[in-house]
Protein backbone atom coordinates (compact mmCIF):
# COMPACT_ATOMS: atom_id res chain seq x y z
CA LEU A 1 0.00 0.00 0.00
CA GLU A 2 1.36 3.39 -0.95
CA ALA A 3 0.05 6.61 0.59
CA ASN A 4 0.43 10.02 -0.99
CA VAL A 5 -0.83 13.24 0.55
CA SER A 6 -1.27 16.48 -1.36
CA GLY A 7 -1.95 20.04 -0.24
CA LEU A 8 -0.04 19.65 3.00
CA PRO A 9 0.75 22.98 4.73
CA ALA A 10 3.87 23.33 6.89
CA HIS A 11 1.90 23.05 10.17
CA VAL A 12 0.44 19.64 9.25
CA ALA A 13 2.23 16.28 9.53
CA VAL A 14 1.00 12.89 8.33
CA SER A 15 2.18 9.38 9.16
CA THR A 16 0.93 6.01 7.92
CA VAL A 17 1.76 2.66 9.47
CA ARG A 18 0.43 -0.88 9.32
CA ASP A 19 -0.51 -2.63 12.59
CA SER A 20 1.55 -5.83 12.42
CA ALA A 21 -0.88 -7.73 14.66
CA THR A 22 -4.13 -6.90 12.82
CA GLY A 23 -2.97 -5.70 9.40
CA ASP A 24 -4.99 -2.50 9.87
CA LEU A 25 -3.74 0.68 8.21
CA ILE A 26 -3.32 3.58 10.65
CA ILE A 27 -3.18 7.15 9.33
CA LYS A 28 -2.23 9.92 11.78
CA VAL A 29 -2.70 13.60 10.97
CA VAL A 30 -1.32 16.27 13.32
CA ASN A 31 -2.37 19.86 12.72
CA GLY A 32 -0.64 22.51 14.84
CA GLY A 33 -2.33 25.51 13.20
CA ALA A 34 -5.51 26.62 11.45
CA ALA A 35 -7.90 24.11 9.85
CA ALA A 36 -6.23 22.63 6.78
CA PRO A 37 -7.61 20.69 3.81
CA VAL A 38 -5.54 17.71 2.65
CA THR A 39 -6.16 15.00 0.06
CA PHE A 40 -5.17 11.38 0.63
CA ASN A 41 -4.40 8.99 -2.23
CA LEU A 42 -4.08 5.43 -1.01
CA GLU A 43 -2.97 3.23 -3.88
CA GLY A 44 -3.97 -0.38 -3.46
CA LEU A 45 -6.92 0.43 -1.20
CA ARG A 46 -10.54 -0.11 -2.13
CA ALA A 47 -13.36 1.51 -0.17
CA TYR A 48 -13.01 0.24 3.38
CA ALA A 49 -14.64 0.76 6.73
CA ALA A 50 -12.60 2.87 9.11
CA THR A 51 -12.85 4.54 12.46
CA LYS A 52 -11.82 8.16 12.79
CA THR A 53 -10.83 9.57 16.17
CA VAL A 54 -10.22 13.31 16.49
CA PHE A 55 -8.62 15.04 19.47
CA SER A 56 -8.83 18.83 19.30
CA GLY A 57 -8.89 21.88 21.52
CA ASP A 58 -9.27 25.63 21.33
CA ASN A 59 -5.52 26.04 21.11
CA ALA A 60 -2.44 23.87 20.71
CA ASP A 61 -1.63 24.14 24.43
CA ALA A 62 -5.05 22.88 25.62
CA VAL A 63 -4.87 20.30 28.43
CA ASN A 64 -7.41 18.55 30.61
CA GLU A 65 -7.30 19.44 34.30
CA ASP A 66 -8.87 17.61 37.26
CA GLY A 67 -12.08 19.23 38.45
CA LYS A 68 -12.59 21.25 35.25
CA PRO A 69 -14.56 20.49 32.09
CA ALA A 70 -12.47 18.60 29.54
CA ALA A 71 -10.70 20.93 27.12
CA VAL A 72 -9.73 18.04 24.83
CA GLN A 73 -11.94 15.00 24.24
CA PRO A 74 -11.74 12.26 21.63
CA VAL A 75 -14.60 12.10 19.14
CA THR A 76 -14.82 8.76 17.32
CA THR A 77 -16.95 8.13 14.23
CA SER A 78 -17.29 5.39 11.63
CA GLU A 79 -16.21 6.28 8.09
CA THR A 80 -16.03 4.66 4.67
CA LEU A 81 -12.84 5.72 2.93
CA ALA A 82 -12.34 5.66 -0.82
CA PRO A 83 -8.90 5.21 -2.41
CA SER A 84 -8.72 8.99 -2.75
CA PHE A 85 -10.44 11.24 -0.23
CA PRO A 86 -10.30 14.84 0.97
CA TYR A 87 -10.10 15.68 4.65
CA THR A 88 -10.06 18.96 6.52
CA ALA A 89 -7.89 18.58 9.60
CA PRO A 90 -9.41 20.70 12.38
CA ALA A 91 -7.25 23.41 13.92
CA ASN A 92 -4.96 22.22 16.73
CA SER A 93 -5.82 18.56 16.32
CA LEU A 94 -4.69 14.96 16.11
CA THR A 95 -6.77 12.73 13.84
CA VAL A 96 -6.30 8.97 13.69
CA PHE A 97 -7.92 6.90 10.94
CA ARG A 98 -7.86 3.14 11.54
CA VAL A 99 -8.70 1.29 8.33
CA SER A 100 -9.76 -2.30 8.87
CA ALA A 101 -7.78 -4.91 6.95
CA LYS A 102 -10.86 -7.15 6.80
């Protein structure tokens, strides 16, 4: 599987790995600035079910503190990813796509 990402601004980083135990593809997107559109091209991938988990906060220094409402919470959704798909990474966020190998 080959992954290409286009439209990547300097404040966005992307990493793809394969889980050796399950065979799942894991795509991580870190955005340390304003919301940013990116396009993924995953050669060798058909449309597959995936989970998307997004961690984001009002600013890049947001932390959760005991006794206060959570500033950063994971939001997980189910997705169907095509071989090529656009994604807008929210400002100050970490997004993890886990694409099932099955």
